[in-house]
Amino acid sequence: MIIEIPMTPSHALSPNARTHWAPKAKAASELRDAARAAVLSSTTAAERAFLVAGSGIGYTVTVHWKRGGSRDEDNILARCKAAIDGIADGLGIDDRRMHVRGVNSDTSTKRGVTVFTLTRED
């Protein structure tokens, strides 16, 4: 299952950013809400039920940045935490059942989109 979130994680969500808590909380809330909405709008109830019926959910995240530059995997993953929580909300599960399988950064194709590829783990 592919979930496309029409935004990239804000710089405010980076563990390296020294951001005041208010802008960081706003950015996290916006990303989480966008991820939840993307899950609910791009999948059917049957698809979500099939996915969560397994023992876990593996995911690969690819961030298509608006601007060039390289980012390291651990910071990408940290910046995507709110999106992971939003996906779990949309699926109706605890995010402890979700396991990272890959992290990618891309500036060559679409821009300004975060793509999660979810797979059922049995």
C-alpha atoms as a PDB file:
ATOM      1  CA  MET A   1       0.000   0.000   0.000  1.00  0.00           C
ATOM      2  CA  ILE A   2       1.364   3.427  -0.937  1.00  0.00           C
ATOM      3  CA  ILE A   3       0.522   6.523   1.077  1.00  0.00           C
ATOM      4  CA  GLU A   4       1.471   9.923  -0.383  1.00  0.00           C
ATOM      5  CA  ILE A   5       1.519  12.850   2.007  1.00  0.00           C
ATOM      6  CA  PRO A   6       1.417  16.153   0.109  1.00  0.00           C
ATOM      7  CA  MET A   7       4.165  17.771   2.181  1.00  0.00           C
ATOM      8  CA  THR A   8       7.685  17.166   3.418  1.00  0.00           C
ATOM      9  CA  PRO A   9       8.624  17.133   7.108  1.00  0.00           C
ATOM     10  CA  SER A  10       9.386  20.608   8.379  1.00  0.00           C
ATOM     11  CA  HIS A  11      12.896  21.632   9.386  1.00  0.00           C
ATOM     12  CA  ALA A  12      11.384  22.457  12.777  1.00  0.00           C
ATOM     13  CA  LEU A  13      10.968  18.699  13.360  1.00  0.00           C
ATOM     14  CA  SER A  14      14.667  17.964  12.907  1.00  0.00           C
ATOM     15  CA  PRO A  15      16.472  16.922  16.092  1.00  0.00           C
ATOM     16  CA  ASN A  16      19.293  19.226  14.996  1.00  0.00           C
ATOM     17  CA  ALA A  17      17.023  22.279  14.856  1.00  0.00           C
ATOM     18  CA  ARG A  18      16.864  24.496  17.892  1.00  0.00           C
ATOM     19  CA  THR A  19      13.215  25.315  17.469  1.00  0.00           C
ATOM     20  CA  HIS A  20      10.886  26.815  20.049  1.00  0.00           C
ATOM     21  CA  TRP A  21       8.285  24.293  21.183  1.00  0.00           C
ATOM     22  CA  ALA A  22       5.307  26.154  19.653  1.00  0.00           C
ATOM     23  CA  PRO A  23       6.403  26.070  15.978  1.00  0.00           C
ATOM     24  CA  LYS A  24       7.639  22.509  16.458  1.00  0.00           C
ATOM     25  CA  ALA A  25       4.275  21.423  17.906  1.00  0.00           C
ATOM     26  CA  LYS A  26       2.393  23.133  15.064  1.00  0.00           C
ATOM     27  CA  ALA A  27       4.571  21.457  12.410  1.00  0.00           C
ATOM     28  CA  ALA A  28       4.136  18.050  14.069  1.00  0.00           C
ATOM     29  CA  SER A  29       0.375  18.482  14.305  1.00  0.00           C
ATOM     30  CA  GLU A  30       0.075  19.502  10.635  1.00  0.00           C
ATOM     31  CA  LEU A  31       2.176  16.547   9.466  1.00  0.00           C
ATOM     32  CA  ARG A  32       0.283  14.074  11.648  1.00  0.00           C
ATOM     33  CA  ASP A  33      -3.094  15.351  10.415  1.00  0.00           C
ATOM     34  CA  ALA A  34      -1.952  15.246   6.773  1.00  0.00           C
ATOM     35  CA  ALA A  35      -0.724  11.659   7.180  1.00  0.00           C
ATOM     36  CA  ARG A  36      -3.981  10.529   8.828  1.00  0.00           C
ATOM     37  CA  ALA A  37      -6.005  12.177   6.050  1.00  0.00           C
ATOM     38  CA  ALA A  38      -3.807  10.593   3.357  1.00  0.00           C
ATOM     39  CA  VAL A  39      -4.380   7.114   4.799  1.00  0.00           C
ATOM     40  CA  LEU A  40      -8.135   7.558   5.013  1.00  0.00           C
ATOM     41  CA  SER A  41      -8.501   9.129   1.562  1.00  0.00           C
ATOM     42  CA  SER A  42      -6.220   6.785  -0.392  1.00  0.00           C
ATOM     43  CA  THR A  43      -7.259   3.403   1.035  1.00  0.00           C
ATOM     44  CA  THR A  44     -10.437   1.460   1.566  1.00  0.00           C
ATOM     45  CA  ALA A  45     -11.530  -0.012   4.878  1.00  0.00           C
ATOM     46  CA  ALA A  46     -10.855  -3.494   3.464  1.00  0.00           C
ATOM     47  CA  GLU A  47      -7.286  -2.583   2.499  1.00  0.00           C
ATOM     48  CA  ARG A  48      -6.631  -1.149   5.952  1.00  0.00           C
ATOM     49  CA  ALA A  49      -8.142  -4.235   7.634  1.00  0.00           C
ATOM     50  CA  PHE A  50      -5.963  -6.573   5.550  1.00  0.00           C
ATOM     51  CA  LEU A  51      -2.832  -4.583   6.373  1.00  0.00           C
ATOM     52  CA  VAL A  52      -3.415  -4.484  10.132  1.00  0.00           C
ATOM     53  CA  ALA A  53      -4.383  -8.166  10.319  1.00  0.00           C
ATOM     54  CA  GLY A  54      -0.714  -9.172  10.145  1.00  0.00           C
ATOM     55  CA  SER A  55       1.677  -9.275  13.067  1.00  0.00           C
ATOM     56  CA  GLY A  56       3.209  -5.946  12.080  1.00  0.00           C
ATOM     57  CA  ILE A  57       3.576  -3.386   9.328  1.00  0.00           C
ATOM     58  CA  GLY A  58       6.854  -2.693   7.578  1.00  0.00           C
ATOM     59  CA  TYR A  59       7.355   0.666   5.913  1.00  0.00           C
ATOM     60  CA  THR A  60       9.755   2.442   3.642  1.00  0.00           C
ATOM     61  CA  VAL A  61       9.731   6.223   3.587  1.00  0.00           C
ATOM     62  CA  THR A  62      10.898   8.338   0.650  1.00  0.00           C
ATOM     63  CA  VAL A  63      10.960  12.101   1.030  1.00  0.00           C
ATOM     64  CA  HIS A  64      10.914  14.089  -2.207  1.00  0.00           C
ATOM     65  CA  TRP A  65      12.376  17.373  -0.965  1.00  0.00           C
ATOM     66  CA  LYS A  66      11.314  20.722  -2.402  1.00  0.00           C
ATOM     67  CA  ARG A  67      14.921  21.862  -2.596  1.00  0.00           C
ATOM     68  CA  GLY A  68      18.117  19.946  -3.212  1.00  0.00           C
ATOM     69  CA  GLY A  69      20.585  18.913  -0.580  1.00  0.00           C
ATOM     70  CA  SER A  70      21.298  15.731   1.249  1.00  0.00           C
ATOM     71  CA  ARG A  71      19.859  14.598   4.553  1.00  0.00           C
ATOM     72  CA  ASP A  72      20.969  11.695   6.671  1.00  0.00           C
ATOM     73  CA  GLU A  73      18.655   8.784   7.343  1.00  0.00           C
ATOM     74  CA  ASP A  74      18.295   9.178  11.094  1.00  0.00           C
ATOM     75  CA  ASN A  75      17.232  12.816  10.758  1.00  0.00           C
ATOM     76  CA  ILE A  76      14.749  11.965   8.003  1.00  0.00           C
ATOM     77  CA  LEU A  77      13.235   9.295  10.211  1.00  0.00           C
ATOM     78  CA  ALA A  78      13.084  11.643  13.214  1.00  0.00           C
ATOM     79  CA  ARG A  79      11.434  14.337  11.113  1.00  0.00           C
ATOM     80  CA  CYS A  80       8.843  11.774   9.938  1.00  0.00           C
ATOM     81  CA  LYS A  81       7.799  10.638  13.454  1.00  0.00           C
ATOM     82  CA  ALA A  82       4.609  12.713  13.357  1.00  0.00           C
ATOM     83  CA  ALA A  83       3.725  11.221   9.952  1.00  0.00           C
ATOM     84  CA  ILE A  84       4.258   7.708  11.299  1.00  0.00           C
ATOM     85  CA  ASP A  85       1.938   8.518  14.201  1.00  0.00           C
ATOM     86  CA  GLY A  86      -0.654   9.887  11.756  1.00  0.00           C
ATOM     87  CA  ILE A  87      -0.486   6.752   9.608  1.00  0.00           C
ATOM     88  CA  ALA A  88      -0.957   4.614  12.716  1.00  0.00           C
ATOM     89  CA  ASP A  89      -3.938   6.795  13.682  1.00  0.00           C
ATOM     90  CA  GLY A  90      -5.467   6.321  10.232  1.00  0.00           C
ATOM     91  CA  LEU A  91      -4.982   2.551  10.450  1.00  0.00           C
ATOM     92  CA  GLY A  92      -6.321   2.434  14.017  1.00  0.00           C
ATOM     93  CA  ILE A  93      -3.196   0.810  15.469  1.00  0.00           C
ATOM     94  CA  ASP A  94      -0.405   1.636  17.889  1.00  0.00           C
ATOM     95  CA  ASP A  95       2.736   2.770  16.075  1.00  0.00           C
ATOM     96  CA  ARG A  96       4.747   0.135  17.973  1.00  0.00           C
ATOM     97  CA  ARG A  97       3.522  -2.322  15.329  1.00  0.00           C
ATOM     98  CA  MET A  98       5.251  -0.340  12.574  1.00  0.00           C
ATOM     99  CA  HIS A  99       8.835  -1.210  11.646  1.00  0.00           C
ATOM    100  CA  VAL A 100      11.129   0.788   9.381  1.00  0.00           C
ATOM    101  CA  ARG A 101      12.482  -1.112   6.387  1.00  0.00           C
ATOM    102  CA  GLY A 102      14.077   1.729   4.469  1.00  0.00           C
ATOM    103  CA  VAL A 103      14.644   5.490   4.379  1.00  0.00           C
ATOM    104  CA  ASN A 104      15.263   7.361   1.140  1.00  0.00           C
ATOM    105  CA  SER A 105      15.828  10.965   0.165  1.00  0.00           C
ATOM    106  CA  ASP A 106      15.066  12.083  -3.387  1.00  0.00           C
ATOM    107  CA  THR A 107      15.210  15.393  -5.217  1.00  0.00           C
ATOM    108  CA  SER A 108      15.093  14.098  -8.780  1.00  0.00           C
ATOM    109  CA  THR A 109      11.383  13.428  -9.375  1.00  0.00           C
ATOM    110  CA  LYS A 110       8.310  14.855  -7.657  1.00  0.00           C
ATOM    111  CA  ARG A 111       8.925  17.601  -5.183  1.00  0.00           C
ATOM    112  CA  GLY A 112       7.329  18.364  -1.857  1.00  0.00           C
ATOM    113  CA  VAL A 113       5.865  14.894  -1.248  1.00  0.00           C
ATOM    114  CA  THR A 114       6.527  12.217   1.367  1.00  0.00           C
ATOM    115  CA  VAL A 115       5.759   8.662   0.250  1.00  0.00           C
ATOM    116  CA  PHE A 116       5.309   5.713   2.620  1.00  0.00           C
ATOM    117  CA  THR A 117       5.195   2.185   1.213  1.00  0.00           C
ATOM    118  CA  LEU A 118       3.488  -0.096   3.742  1.00  0.00           C
ATOM    119  CA  THR A 119       3.683  -3.877   3.711  1.00  0.00           C
ATOM    120  CA  ARG A 120       1.975  -6.458   5.880  1.00  0.00           C
ATOM    121  CA  GLU A 121       4.267  -8.595   7.985  1.00  0.00           C
ATOM    122  CA  ASP A 122       3.031 -12.049   8.943  1.00  0.00           C
END
